[in-house]
Amino acid sequence: MRDNTAATASTIQADPARSLSSLKDIMTIPKLLRIATRKSLLALWQAEHVAALLRERYPQTQVELVPLSTRGDEILDRSLAAIGGKGLFLKELEVAMLEGRADLAVHSLKDMPVELDPGFALAAVLPRADAADAFVSFHHASLQALPQGARVGTSSLRRQALLRSLRPDLQINDLRGNVITRLAKLEEGQYDAIILACAGLERLELGQHIRQRLHAPDWLPAPGQAAIGIEALSAADDVLAGLAALDDAPTRRQVTAERAMNQALGGSCSVPVGAWCEQIDADWLVLSGLVGDIAGGQLIQASQHGEAAQPEVLGRAVAEQLLAQGAAAFLS
């Protein structure tokens, strides 16, 4: 392995525009970074993507993947809400960091709890991909084209509430497993259509299965959907400094507003919450949020502008609007 001085010199030659602060990161980043990741194809794609970014930026650092199985991956016969929530996808990866077997973990940001356990930090948020949901069917072109009583598969309570609102006649059945497993169940005829994330399909080069994009303002994604989050130990200053260079400021602001709204609502995967934040100019964000009722399909929605420099304030303000309209009845 090259020493840091030689690697730094080659980096300067390859990219003379790189700032002194970036070069400081190159000098202090650990020589080995181990990335904890789930074993699904999508999780591995995301981890490999982060690894490639790190190798490009820090050529003197060796980057390795540490694939792990989580309880969320192993328990597939019950809904996430019934077994404890999306946090089940994080715990084994966090334990690996605490035990020194990994230095960072890569997650789909929408799977990360709004509050991390003490000792952990959201070190970086990568630029967001397409945050829309995907209507996927081998026989029907759109949600509107489904016949009466069609069977639709989704494990998301948010998606269930939106489906109930738009098409109360549909049969909505739980759907677990990775993307390939879900597509296989659709092909077997267990469902007439399923709802997935556009970003996941496109990252796995399966975008041809997207028959219809379901997007704002009529259909809101999960808070943080389509963004990749990188988690690290809050005490690992050298790791945090290196990862900070990957953080995308516009995406960080937007998902911070969405997650602040979710946090103010006490949101989790057991509550149907949707959020979508956009930056409309250098100084202002607009955040739309909803809370749904999976039984009756009623949706409570709110939208507000806020300062880009204070995304948490905007998130809490939209949550207050939702609560003022009676959202607490769906959150209890």
C-alpha atoms as a PDB file:
ATOM      1  CA  MET A   1       0.000   0.000   0.000  1.00  0.00           C
ATOM      2  CA  ARG A   2       1.345   3.496  -0.816  1.00  0.00           C
ATOM      3  CA  ASP A   3       2.136   5.800   2.078  1.00  0.00           C
ATOM      4  CA  ASN A   4       0.019   8.912   2.635  1.00  0.00           C
ATOM      5  CA  THR A   5       2.639  11.328   1.292  1.00  0.00           C
ATOM      6  CA  ALA A   6       2.922   9.564  -2.061  1.00  0.00           C
ATOM      7  CA  ALA A   7      -0.842   9.155  -2.337  1.00  0.00           C
ATOM      8  CA  THR A   8      -1.383  12.828  -1.548  1.00  0.00           C
ATOM      9  CA  ALA A   9       1.114  13.900  -4.189  1.00  0.00           C
ATOM     10  CA  SER A  10      -0.552  11.770  -6.848  1.00  0.00           C
ATOM     11  CA  THR A  11      -3.958  13.121  -5.845  1.00  0.00           C
ATOM     12  CA  ILE A  12      -2.754  16.728  -6.195  1.00  0.00           C
ATOM     13  CA  GLN A  13      -1.409  15.957  -9.670  1.00  0.00           C
ATOM     14  CA  ALA A  14      -4.655  14.240 -10.709  1.00  0.00           C
ATOM     15  CA  ASP A  15      -6.884  16.979  -9.309  1.00  0.00           C
ATOM     16  CA  PRO A  16      -5.004  20.271  -8.747  1.00  0.00           C
ATOM     17  CA  ALA A  17      -8.257  22.054  -7.905  1.00  0.00           C
ATOM     18  CA  ARG A  18      -8.715  20.015  -4.744  1.00  0.00           C
ATOM     19  CA  SER A  19      -8.737  22.318  -1.710  1.00  0.00           C
ATOM     20  CA  LEU A  20      -6.313  22.306   1.215  1.00  0.00           C
ATOM     21  CA  SER A  21      -9.106  21.102   3.490  1.00  0.00           C
ATOM     22  CA  SER A  22      -9.639  18.102   1.221  1.00  0.00           C
ATOM     23  CA  LEU A  23      -5.930  17.348   1.305  1.00  0.00           C
ATOM     24  CA  LYS A  24      -6.067  17.465   5.105  1.00  0.00           C
ATOM     25  CA  ASP A  25      -8.768  14.777   4.965  1.00  0.00           C
ATOM     26  CA  ILE A  26      -6.559  12.678   2.696  1.00  0.00           C
ATOM     27  CA  MET A  27      -3.768  12.851   5.246  1.00  0.00           C
ATOM     28  CA  THR A  28      -5.967  11.908   8.230  1.00  0.00           C
ATOM     29  CA  ILE A  29      -8.407   9.360   6.789  1.00  0.00           C
ATOM     30  CA  PRO A  30      -7.686   5.808   8.070  1.00  0.00           C
ATOM     31  CA  LYS A  31      -5.675   3.517   5.806  1.00  0.00           C
ATOM     32  CA  LEU A  32      -8.442   0.907   6.035  1.00  0.00           C
ATOM     33  CA  LEU A  33     -12.201   1.525   5.963  1.00  0.00           C
ATOM     34  CA  ARG A  34     -14.607  -1.367   6.440  1.00  0.00           C
ATOM     35  CA  ILE A  35     -18.201  -0.829   5.325  1.00  0.00           C
ATOM     36  CA  ALA A  36     -20.931  -2.786   7.093  1.00  0.00           C
ATOM     37  CA  THR A  37     -23.821  -3.587   4.761  1.00  0.00           C
ATOM     38  CA  ARG A  38     -26.795  -5.864   4.433  1.00  0.00           C
ATOM     39  CA  LYS A  39     -26.454  -8.722   1.948  1.00  0.00           C
ATOM     40  CA  SER A  40     -29.313  -7.861  -0.410  1.00  0.00           C
ATOM     41  CA  LEU A  41     -28.398  -6.903  -3.970  1.00  0.00           C
ATOM     42  CA  LEU A  42     -29.619  -3.343  -3.454  1.00  0.00           C
ATOM     43  CA  ALA A  43     -27.752  -2.915  -0.170  1.00  0.00           C
ATOM     44  CA  LEU A  44     -24.582  -4.286  -1.751  1.00  0.00           C
ATOM     45  CA  TRP A  45     -24.992  -1.918  -4.715  1.00  0.00           C
ATOM     46  CA  GLN A  46     -25.263   1.022  -2.333  1.00  0.00           C
ATOM     47  CA  ALA A  47     -22.249  -0.099  -0.316  1.00  0.00           C
ATOM     48  CA  GLU A  48     -20.170  -0.650  -3.460  1.00  0.00           C
ATOM     49  CA  HIS A  49     -21.201   2.817  -4.659  1.00  0.00           C
ATOM     50  CA  VAL A  50     -19.943   4.383  -1.426  1.00  0.00           C
ATOM     51  CA  ALA A  51     -16.778   2.268  -1.599  1.00  0.00           C
ATOM     52  CA  ALA A  52     -16.092   3.517  -5.131  1.00  0.00           C
ATOM     53  CA  LEU A  53     -16.522   7.141  -4.032  1.00  0.00           C
ATOM     54  CA  LEU A  54     -14.143   6.619  -1.120  1.00  0.00           C
ATOM     55  CA  ARG A  55     -11.529   4.856  -3.266  1.00  0.00           C
ATOM     56  CA  GLU A  56     -11.665   7.657  -5.812  1.00  0.00           C
ATOM     57  CA  ARG A  57     -11.298  10.398  -3.236  1.00  0.00           C
ATOM     58  CA  TYR A  58      -8.811   8.609  -0.957  1.00  0.00           C
ATOM     59  CA  PRO A  59      -6.673   6.371  -3.198  1.00  0.00           C
ATOM     60  CA  GLN A  60      -4.296   5.594  -0.316  1.00  0.00           C
ATOM     61  CA  THR A  61      -7.112   3.993   1.690  1.00  0.00           C
ATOM     62  CA  GLN A  62      -8.136   0.354   1.360  1.00  0.00           C
ATOM     63  CA  VAL A  63     -11.936  -0.015   1.388  1.00  0.00           C
ATOM     64  CA  GLU A  64     -13.597  -3.350   2.177  1.00  0.00           C
ATOM     65  CA  LEU A  65     -17.200  -4.507   2.487  1.00  0.00           C
ATOM     66  CA  VAL A  66     -18.459  -6.403   5.534  1.00  0.00           C
ATOM     67  CA  PRO A  67     -21.759  -8.047   4.445  1.00  0.00           C
ATOM     68  CA  LEU A  68     -24.057  -8.930   7.355  1.00  0.00           C
ATOM     69  CA  SER A  69     -27.492 -10.422   7.816  1.00  0.00           C
ATOM     70  CA  THR A  70     -30.039  -8.457   9.874  1.00  0.00           C
ATOM     71  CA  ARG A  71     -33.229  -9.513  11.631  1.00  0.00           C
ATOM     72  CA  GLY A  72     -35.180  -7.372   9.180  1.00  0.00           C
ATOM     73  CA  ASP A  73     -33.815  -9.514   6.344  1.00  0.00           C
ATOM     74  CA  GLU A  74     -34.385 -12.809   8.130  1.00  0.00           C
ATOM     75  CA  ILE A  75     -37.985 -12.383   9.350  1.00  0.00           C
ATOM     76  CA  LEU A  76     -40.099 -12.275   6.193  1.00  0.00           C
ATOM     77  CA  ASP A  77     -43.379 -13.813   7.344  1.00  0.00           C
ATOM     78  CA  ARG A  78     -44.544 -10.729   9.259  1.00  0.00           C
ATOM     79  CA  SER A  79     -44.801  -7.018   8.491  1.00  0.00           C
ATOM     80  CA  LEU A  80     -42.057  -4.661   9.631  1.00  0.00           C
ATOM     81  CA  ALA A  81     -44.542  -2.870  11.873  1.00  0.00           C
ATOM     82  CA  ALA A  82     -45.299  -6.142  13.650  1.00  0.00           C
ATOM     83  CA  ILE A  83     -41.670  -7.098  14.352  1.00  0.00           C
ATOM     84  CA  GLY A  84     -40.275  -3.772  15.478  1.00  0.00           C
ATOM     85  CA  GLY A  85     -39.777  -1.449  12.525  1.00  0.00           C
ATOM     86  CA  LYS A  86     -37.128  -0.577   9.997  1.00  0.00           C
ATOM     87  CA  GLY A  87     -34.538  -0.182  12.739  1.00  0.00           C
ATOM     88  CA  LEU A  88     -34.165  -3.961  12.507  1.00  0.00           C
ATOM     89  CA  PHE A  89     -32.108  -3.357   9.362  1.00  0.00           C
ATOM     90  CA  LEU A  90     -29.517  -1.354  11.351  1.00  0.00           C
ATOM     91  CA  LYS A  91     -28.814  -3.131  14.621  1.00  0.00           C
ATOM     92  CA  GLU A  92     -26.370  -5.813  13.458  1.00  0.00           C
ATOM     93  CA  LEU A  93     -24.481  -3.210  11.417  1.00  0.00           C
ATOM     94  CA  GLU A  94     -24.219  -0.917  14.442  1.00  0.00           C
ATOM     95  CA  VAL A  95     -22.999  -3.795  16.615  1.00  0.00           C
ATOM     96  CA  ALA A  96     -20.265  -4.470  14.053  1.00  0.00           C
ATOM     97  CA  MET A  97     -19.077  -0.870  14.404  1.00  0.00           C
ATOM     98  CA  LEU A  98     -19.180  -1.005  18.208  1.00  0.00           C
ATOM     99  CA  GLU A  99     -17.169  -4.233  18.206  1.00  0.00           C
ATOM    100  CA  GLY A 100     -14.560  -2.814  15.829  1.00  0.00           C
ATOM    101  CA  ARG A 101     -15.445  -5.081  12.905  1.00  0.00           C
ATOM    102  CA  ALA A 102     -16.586  -2.155  10.729  1.00  0.00           C
ATOM    103  CA  ASP A 103     -15.884   1.576  10.528  1.00  0.00           C
ATOM    104  CA  LEU A 104     -19.073   2.758   8.832  1.00  0.00           C
ATOM    105  CA  ALA A 105     -22.405   1.450   7.619  1.00  0.00           C
ATOM    106  CA  VAL A 106     -24.386   2.249   4.486  1.00  0.00           C
ATOM    107  CA  HIS A 107     -28.187   2.403   4.575  1.00  0.00           C
ATOM    108  CA  SER A 108     -31.179   3.485   2.558  1.00  0.00           C
ATOM    109  CA  LEU A 109     -31.914   6.670   4.485  1.00  0.00           C
ATOM    110  CA  LYS A 110     -35.631   5.924   4.605  1.00  0.00           C
ATOM    111  CA  ASP A 111     -34.793   2.804   6.659  1.00  0.00           C
ATOM    112  CA  MET A 112     -32.898   4.780   9.288  1.00  0.00           C
ATOM    113  CA  PRO A 113     -34.755   5.777  12.478  1.00  0.00           C
ATOM    114  CA  VAL A 114     -35.253   9.511  12.912  1.00  0.00           C
ATOM    115  CA  GLU A 115     -33.215   9.270  16.109  1.00  0.00           C
ATOM    116  CA  LEU A 116     -30.045   7.178  16.072  1.00  0.00           C
ATOM    117  CA  ASP A 117     -28.877   5.449  19.218  1.00  0.00           C
ATOM    118  CA  PRO A 118     -26.333   7.345  21.329  1.00  0.00           C
ATOM    119  CA  GLY A 119     -22.832   6.960  19.973  1.00  0.00           C
ATOM    120  CA  PHE A 120     -23.815   6.991  16.300  1.00  0.00           C
ATOM    121  CA  ALA A 121     -23.951   9.817  13.753  1.00  0.00           C
ATOM    122  CA  LEU A 122     -25.355  10.337  10.277  1.00  0.00           C
ATOM    123  CA  ALA A 123     -21.958  11.119   8.793  1.00  0.00           C
ATOM    124  CA  ALA A 124     -22.993  11.797   5.193  1.00  0.00           C
ATOM    125  CA  VAL A 125     -26.001  11.876   2.896  1.00  0.00           C
ATOM    126  CA  LEU A 126     -25.359  11.252  -0.796  1.00  0.00           C
ATOM    127  CA  PRO A 127     -27.172  13.078  -3.620  1.00  0.00           C
ATOM    128  CA  ARG A 128     -30.738  11.890  -3.894  1.00  0.00           C
ATOM    129  CA  ALA A 129     -31.918   9.733  -6.782  1.00  0.00           C
ATOM    130  CA  ASP A 130     -35.490   9.542  -8.112  1.00  0.00           C
ATOM    131  CA  ALA A 131     -37.672   9.616  -4.976  1.00  0.00           C
ATOM    132  CA  ALA A 132     -40.881   8.518  -6.704  1.00  0.00           C
ATOM    133  CA  ASP A 133     -42.567   5.194  -6.063  1.00  0.00           C
ATOM    134  CA  ALA A 134     -42.951   2.761  -8.956  1.00  0.00           C
ATOM    135  CA  PHE A 135     -46.154   1.061 -10.047  1.00  0.00           C
ATOM    136  CA  VAL A 136     -45.029  -2.325 -11.367  1.00  0.00           C
ATOM    137  CA  SER A 137     -47.278  -4.743 -13.230  1.00  0.00           C
ATOM    138  CA  PHE A 138     -46.870  -7.204 -16.082  1.00  0.00           C
ATOM    139  CA  HIS A 139     -50.438  -6.749 -17.321  1.00  0.00           C
ATOM    140  CA  HIS A 140     -51.624  -3.238 -16.370  1.00  0.00           C
ATOM    141  CA  ALA A 141     -50.190   0.091 -17.431  1.00  0.00           C
ATOM    142  CA  SER A 142     -51.065   2.194 -14.409  1.00  0.00           C
ATOM    143  CA  LEU A 143     -52.715   2.293 -11.007  1.00  0.00           C
ATOM    144  CA  GLN A 144     -55.803   3.771 -12.635  1.00  0.00           C
ATOM    145  CA  ALA A 145     -55.944   0.915 -15.155  1.00  0.00           C
ATOM    146  CA  LEU A 146     -56.164  -1.839 -12.546  1.00  0.00           C
ATOM    147  CA  PRO A 147     -59.508  -3.672 -12.581  1.00  0.00           C
ATOM    148  CA  GLN A 148     -61.862  -3.515  -9.628  1.00  0.00           C
ATOM    149  CA  GLY A 149     -60.639  -5.629  -6.724  1.00  0.00           C
ATOM    150  CA  ALA A 150     -57.140  -6.125  -8.119  1.00  0.00           C
ATOM    151  CA  ARG A 151     -54.478  -7.422  -5.732  1.00  0.00           C
ATOM    152  CA  VAL A 152     -51.646  -4.995  -4.971  1.00  0.00           C
ATOM    153  CA  GLY A 153     -48.610  -5.900  -2.886  1.00  0.00           C
ATOM    154  CA  THR A 154     -46.746  -3.532  -0.588  1.00  0.00           C
ATOM    155  CA  SER A 155     -45.268  -3.754   2.888  1.00  0.00           C
ATOM    156  CA  SER A 156     -45.371   0.025   3.437  1.00  0.00           C
ATOM    157  CA  LEU A 157     -48.209   1.469   5.536  1.00  0.00           C
ATOM    158  CA  ARG A 158     -47.695   4.813   3.764  1.00  0.00           C
ATOM    159  CA  ARG A 159     -48.237   3.169   0.385  1.00  0.00           C
ATOM    160  CA  GLN A 160     -51.240   1.282   1.739  1.00  0.00           C
ATOM    161  CA  ALA A 161     -52.850   4.522   2.940  1.00  0.00           C
ATOM    162  CA  LEU A 162     -52.227   6.217  -0.407  1.00  0.00           C
ATOM    163  CA  LEU A 163     -53.662   3.232  -2.283  1.00  0.00           C
ATOM    164  CA  ARG A 164     -56.749   3.229  -0.041  1.00  0.00           C
ATOM    165  CA  SER A 165     -57.220   6.917  -0.750  1.00  0.00           C
ATOM    166  CA  LEU A 166     -56.896   6.663  -4.521  1.00  0.00           C
ATOM    167  CA  ARG A 167     -58.370   3.175  -5.100  1.00  0.00           C
ATOM    168  CA  PRO A 168     -60.469   1.986  -2.124  1.00  0.00           C
ATOM    169  CA  ASP A 169     -61.663  -1.031  -4.146  1.00  0.00           C
ATOM    170  CA  LEU A 170     -58.237  -2.689  -4.296  1.00  0.00           C
ATOM    171  CA  GLN A 171     -57.128  -5.702  -2.268  1.00  0.00           C
ATOM    172  CA  ILE A 172     -53.891  -4.683  -0.563  1.00  0.00           C
ATOM    173  CA  ASN A 173     -51.673  -7.529   0.604  1.00  0.00           C
ATOM    174  CA  ASP A 174     -48.397  -7.458   2.522  1.00  0.00           C
ATOM    175  CA  LEU A 175     -45.222  -7.970   0.477  1.00  0.00           C
ATOM    176  CA  ARG A 176     -41.793  -8.666   2.003  1.00  0.00           C
ATOM    177  CA  GLY A 177     -38.433  -9.722   0.612  1.00  0.00           C
ATOM    178  CA  ASN A 178     -35.791  -8.095  -1.563  1.00  0.00           C
ATOM    179  CA  VAL A 179     -36.523  -6.492  -4.928  1.00  0.00           C
ATOM    180  CA  ILE A 180     -35.855  -9.684  -6.916  1.00  0.00           C
ATOM    181  CA  THR A 181     -38.077 -11.738  -4.610  1.00  0.00           C
ATOM    182  CA  ARG A 182     -40.903  -9.233  -4.914  1.00  0.00           C
ATOM    183  CA  LEU A 183     -40.694  -9.182  -8.697  1.00  0.00           C
ATOM    184  CA  ALA A 184     -40.730 -12.984  -8.726  1.00  0.00           C
ATOM    185  CA  LYS A 185     -43.901 -13.052  -6.624  1.00  0.00           C
ATOM    186  CA  LEU A 186     -45.523 -10.631  -9.078  1.00  0.00           C
ATOM    187  CA  GLU A 187     -44.507 -12.801 -12.033  1.00  0.00           C
ATOM    188  CA  GLU A 188     -45.914 -15.883 -10.280  1.00  0.00           C
ATOM    189  CA  GLY A 189     -49.308 -14.187 -10.209  1.00  0.00           C
ATOM    190  CA  GLN A 190     -49.560 -13.650  -6.466  1.00  0.00           C
ATOM    191  CA  TYR A 191     -50.341  -9.990  -7.183  1.00  0.00           C
ATOM    192  CA  ASP A 192     -51.725  -7.966 -10.078  1.00  0.00           C
ATOM    193  CA  ALA A 193     -49.317  -5.147  -9.269  1.00  0.00           C
ATOM    194  CA  ILE A 194     -46.760  -4.183  -6.658  1.00  0.00           C
ATOM    195  CA  ILE A 195     -45.371  -0.851  -5.479  1.00  0.00           C
ATOM    196  CA  LEU A 196     -41.590  -0.443  -5.226  1.00  0.00           C
ATOM    197  CA  ALA A 197     -39.158   2.482  -5.164  1.00  0.00           C
ATOM    198  CA  CYS A 198     -38.000   3.834  -8.517  1.00  0.00           C
ATOM    199  CA  ALA A 199     -34.499   4.423  -7.142  1.00  0.00           C
ATOM    200  CA  GLY A 200     -34.045   0.797  -6.111  1.00  0.00           C
ATOM    201  CA  LEU A 201     -35.163  -0.531  -9.467  1.00  0.00           C
ATOM    202  CA  GLU A 202     -32.963   1.896 -11.384  1.00  0.00           C
ATOM    203  CA  ARG A 203     -29.903   1.171  -9.236  1.00  0.00           C
ATOM    204  CA  LEU A 204     -30.298  -2.535 -10.010  1.00  0.00           C
ATOM    205  CA  GLU A 205     -30.816  -1.782 -13.731  1.00  0.00           C
ATOM    206  CA  LEU A 206     -34.437  -2.944 -13.505  1.00  0.00           C
ATOM    207  CA  GLY A 207     -35.984   0.354 -14.490  1.00  0.00           C
ATOM    208  CA  GLN A 208     -37.749  -1.292 -17.418  1.00  0.00           C
ATOM    209  CA  HIS A 209     -40.270  -2.669 -14.912  1.00  0.00           C
ATOM    210  CA  ILE A 210     -41.496   0.817 -13.959  1.00  0.00           C
ATOM    211  CA  ARG A 211     -44.902   1.180 -15.620  1.00  0.00           C
ATOM    212  CA  GLN A 212     -45.875   4.386 -13.841  1.00  0.00           C
ATOM    213  CA  ARG A 213     -44.059   6.862 -11.576  1.00  0.00           C
ATOM    214  CA  LEU A 214     -46.094   7.757  -8.496  1.00  0.00           C
ATOM    215  CA  HIS A 215     -44.851  11.145  -7.350  1.00  0.00           C
ATOM    216  CA  ALA A 216     -45.633  14.432  -5.604  1.00  0.00           C
ATOM    217  CA  PRO A 217     -47.907  16.255  -5.164  1.00  0.00           C
ATOM    218  CA  ASP A 218     -50.491  13.461  -5.395  1.00  0.00           C
ATOM    219  CA  TRP A 219     -48.247  10.736  -3.983  1.00  0.00           C
ATOM    220  CA  LEU A 220     -45.576  11.547  -1.383  1.00  0.00           C
ATOM    221  CA  PRO A 221     -42.527   9.332  -0.773  1.00  0.00           C
ATOM    222  CA  ALA A 222     -41.236   8.199   2.597  1.00  0.00           C
ATOM    223  CA  PRO A 223     -39.049  10.713   4.451  1.00  0.00           C
ATOM    224  CA  GLY A 224     -35.543  10.398   3.050  1.00  0.00           C
ATOM    225  CA  GLN A 225     -36.557   8.053   0.223  1.00  0.00           C
ATOM    226  CA  ALA A 226     -33.937   7.574  -2.559  1.00  0.00           C
ATOM    227  CA  ALA A 227     -31.098   9.038  -0.464  1.00  0.00           C
ATOM    228  CA  ILE A 228     -28.205   6.923   0.793  1.00  0.00           C
ATOM    229  CA  GLY A 229     -27.128   7.560   4.375  1.00  0.00           C
ATOM    230  CA  ILE A 230     -23.717   6.734   5.816  1.00  0.00           C
ATOM    231  CA  GLU A 231     -23.573   6.023   9.544  1.00  0.00           C
ATOM    232  CA  ALA A 232     -20.456   6.045  11.728  1.00  0.00           C
ATOM    233  CA  LEU A 233     -19.477   6.175  15.375  1.00  0.00           C
ATOM    234  CA  SER A 234     -19.811   9.734  16.647  1.00  0.00           C
ATOM    235  CA  ALA A 235     -16.433   9.436  18.385  1.00  0.00           C
ATOM    236  CA  ALA A 236     -14.567   8.351  15.220  1.00  0.00           C
ATOM    237  CA  ASP A 237     -13.321  11.809  14.256  1.00  0.00           C
ATOM    238  CA  ASP A 238     -11.009  10.610  11.492  1.00  0.00           C
ATOM    239  CA  VAL A 239     -13.784   8.586   9.824  1.00  0.00           C
ATOM    240  CA  LEU A 240     -16.293  11.411  10.186  1.00  0.00           C
ATOM    241  CA  ALA A 241     -13.860  13.910   8.654  1.00  0.00           C
ATOM    242  CA  GLY A 242     -13.320  11.716   5.627  1.00  0.00           C
ATOM    243  CA  LEU A 243     -17.002  10.974   5.119  1.00  0.00           C
ATOM    244  CA  ALA A 244     -17.955  14.650   5.380  1.00  0.00           C
ATOM    245  CA  ALA A 245     -16.452  15.175   1.932  1.00  0.00           C
ATOM    246  CA  LEU A 246     -19.186  12.912   0.463  1.00  0.00           C
ATOM    247  CA  ASP A 247     -22.055  14.829   2.065  1.00  0.00           C
ATOM    248  CA  ASP A 248     -24.406  16.560  -0.395  1.00  0.00           C
ATOM    249  CA  ALA A 249     -25.606  19.790   1.220  1.00  0.00           C
ATOM    250  CA  PRO A 250     -28.870  20.254  -0.769  1.00  0.00           C
ATOM    251  CA  THR A 251     -29.966  16.660  -0.151  1.00  0.00           C
ATOM    252  CA  ARG A 252     -28.954  16.923   3.521  1.00  0.00           C
ATOM    253  CA  ARG A 253     -31.162  20.019   3.956  1.00  0.00           C
ATOM    254  CA  GLN A 254     -34.152  18.426   2.269  1.00  0.00           C
ATOM    255  CA  VAL A 255     -34.055  15.123   4.122  1.00  0.00           C
ATOM    256  CA  THR A 256     -33.365  16.932   7.394  1.00  0.00           C
ATOM    257  CA  ALA A 257     -36.666  18.788   6.992  1.00  0.00           C
ATOM    258  CA  GLU A 258     -38.492  15.554   6.148  1.00  0.00           C
ATOM    259  CA  ARG A 259     -36.983  13.639   9.049  1.00  0.00           C
ATOM    260  CA  ALA A 260     -37.643  16.518  11.471  1.00  0.00           C
ATOM    261  CA  MET A 261     -41.313  16.418  10.473  1.00  0.00           C
ATOM    262  CA  ASN A 262     -41.389  12.668  10.979  1.00  0.00           C
ATOM    263  CA  GLN A 263     -39.678  12.987  14.349  1.00  0.00           C
ATOM    264  CA  ALA A 264     -42.145  15.643  15.529  1.00  0.00           C
ATOM    265  CA  LEU A 265     -44.966  13.275  14.589  1.00  0.00           C
ATOM    266  CA  GLY A 266     -43.330  10.368  16.392  1.00  0.00           C
ATOM    267  CA  GLY A 267     -43.207   8.658  13.028  1.00  0.00           C
ATOM    268  CA  SER A 268     -41.904   5.177  12.364  1.00  0.00           C
ATOM    269  CA  CYS A 269     -42.689   2.383   9.944  1.00  0.00           C
ATOM    270  CA  SER A 270     -45.803   1.696  12.041  1.00  0.00           C
ATOM    271  CA  VAL A 271     -47.251   5.078  11.047  1.00  0.00           C
ATOM    272  CA  PRO A 272     -48.232   6.023   7.466  1.00  0.00           C
ATOM    273  CA  VAL A 273     -46.194   9.214   6.989  1.00  0.00           C
ATOM    274  CA  GLY A 274     -45.081  10.766   3.706  1.00  0.00           C
ATOM    275  CA  ALA A 275     -42.846  13.784   3.128  1.00  0.00           C
ATOM    276  CA  TRP A 276     -41.298  15.585   0.178  1.00  0.00           C
ATOM    277  CA  CYS A 277     -39.015  18.630   0.423  1.00  0.00           C
ATOM    278  CA  GLU A 278     -37.707  20.684  -2.478  1.00  0.00           C
ATOM    279  CA  GLN A 279     -35.313  23.617  -2.568  1.00  0.00           C
ATOM    280  CA  ILE A 280     -37.011  26.314  -4.636  1.00  0.00           C
ATOM    281  CA  ASP A 281     -34.097  28.786  -4.580  1.00  0.00           C
ATOM    282  CA  ALA A 282     -30.915  29.466  -2.632  1.00  0.00           C
ATOM    283  CA  ASP A 283     -32.787  30.585   0.476  1.00  0.00           C
ATOM    284  CA  TRP A 284     -36.075  28.694   0.604  1.00  0.00           C
ATOM    285  CA  LEU A 285     -37.415  25.167   0.904  1.00  0.00           C
ATOM    286  CA  VAL A 286     -40.962  23.895   0.520  1.00  0.00           C
ATOM    287  CA  LEU A 287     -42.023  20.831   2.488  1.00  0.00           C
ATOM    288  CA  SER A 288     -45.184  18.799   1.909  1.00  0.00           C
ATOM    289  CA  GLY A 289     -46.247  16.163   4.399  1.00  0.00           C
ATOM    290  CA  LEU A 290     -49.074  13.713   4.964  1.00  0.00           C
ATOM    291  CA  VAL A 291     -50.365  11.306   7.554  1.00  0.00           C
ATOM    292  CA  GLY A 292     -52.702   8.562   6.340  1.00  0.00           C
ATOM    293  CA  ASP A 293     -55.288   6.140   7.639  1.00  0.00           C
ATOM    294  CA  ILE A 294     -54.675   2.640   6.283  1.00  0.00           C
ATOM    295  CA  ALA A 295     -58.176   1.490   7.169  1.00  0.00           C
ATOM    296  CA  GLY A 296     -60.287   4.211   5.605  1.00  0.00           C
ATOM    297  CA  GLY A 297     -57.847   5.869   3.238  1.00  0.00           C
ATOM    298  CA  GLN A 298     -58.256   9.334   4.717  1.00  0.00           C
ATOM    299  CA  LEU A 299     -55.228  11.585   4.197  1.00  0.00           C
ATOM    300  CA  ILE A 300     -54.279  14.671   6.195  1.00  0.00           C
ATOM    301  CA  GLN A 301     -51.887  16.902   4.267  1.00  0.00           C
ATOM    302  CA  ALA A 302     -49.986  20.139   4.826  1.00  0.00           C
ATOM    303  CA  SER A 303     -47.364  22.193   3.000  1.00  0.00           C
ATOM    304  CA  GLN A 304     -45.230  25.156   3.995  1.00  0.00           C
ATOM    305  CA  HIS A 305     -42.238  27.229   2.895  1.00  0.00           C
ATOM    306  CA  GLY A 306     -39.257  27.697   5.191  1.00  0.00           C
ATOM    307  CA  GLU A 307     -35.705  28.975   5.289  1.00  0.00           C
ATOM    308  CA  ALA A 308     -33.145  26.623   3.768  1.00  0.00           C
ATOM    309  CA  ALA A 309     -30.813  27.391   6.659  1.00  0.00           C
ATOM    310  CA  GLN A 310     -33.341  26.027   9.170  1.00  0.00           C
ATOM    311  CA  PRO A 311     -34.764  22.776   7.773  1.00  0.00           C
ATOM    312  CA  GLU A 312     -35.589  21.393  11.244  1.00  0.00           C
ATOM    313  CA  VAL A 313     -37.781  24.403  11.955  1.00  0.00           C
ATOM    314  CA  LEU A 314     -39.666  23.831   8.704  1.00  0.00           C
ATOM    315  CA  GLY A 315     -40.137  20.148   9.485  1.00  0.00           C
ATOM    316  CA  ARG A 316     -41.598  20.862  12.907  1.00  0.00           C
ATOM    317  CA  ALA A 317     -43.875  23.553  11.489  1.00  0.00           C
ATOM    318  CA  VAL A 318     -45.404  21.171   8.935  1.00  0.00           C
ATOM    319  CA  ALA A 319     -45.840  18.546  11.659  1.00  0.00           C
ATOM    320  CA  GLU A 320     -47.718  21.105  13.755  1.00  0.00           C
ATOM    321  CA  GLN A 321     -50.030  21.808  10.807  1.00  0.00           C
ATOM    322  CA  LEU A 322     -50.747  18.108  10.406  1.00  0.00           C
ATOM    323  CA  LEU A 323     -51.439  17.698  14.125  1.00  0.00           C
ATOM    324  CA  ALA A 324     -53.721  20.728  14.106  1.00  0.00           C
ATOM    325  CA  GLN A 325     -55.816  19.004  11.415  1.00  0.00           C
ATOM    326  CA  GLY A 326     -56.251  15.875  13.555  1.00  0.00           C
ATOM    327  CA  ALA A 327     -53.297  13.725  12.501  1.00  0.00           C
ATOM    328  CA  ALA A 328     -52.871  12.526  16.083  1.00  0.00           C
ATOM    329  CA  ALA A 329     -55.867  10.241  15.607  1.00  0.00           C
ATOM    330  CA  PHE A 330     -53.858   8.252  13.015  1.00  0.00           C
ATOM    331  CA  LEU A 331     -50.647   8.351  15.046  1.00  0.00           C
ATOM    332  CA  SER A 332     -51.944   6.842  18.281  1.00  0.00           C
END
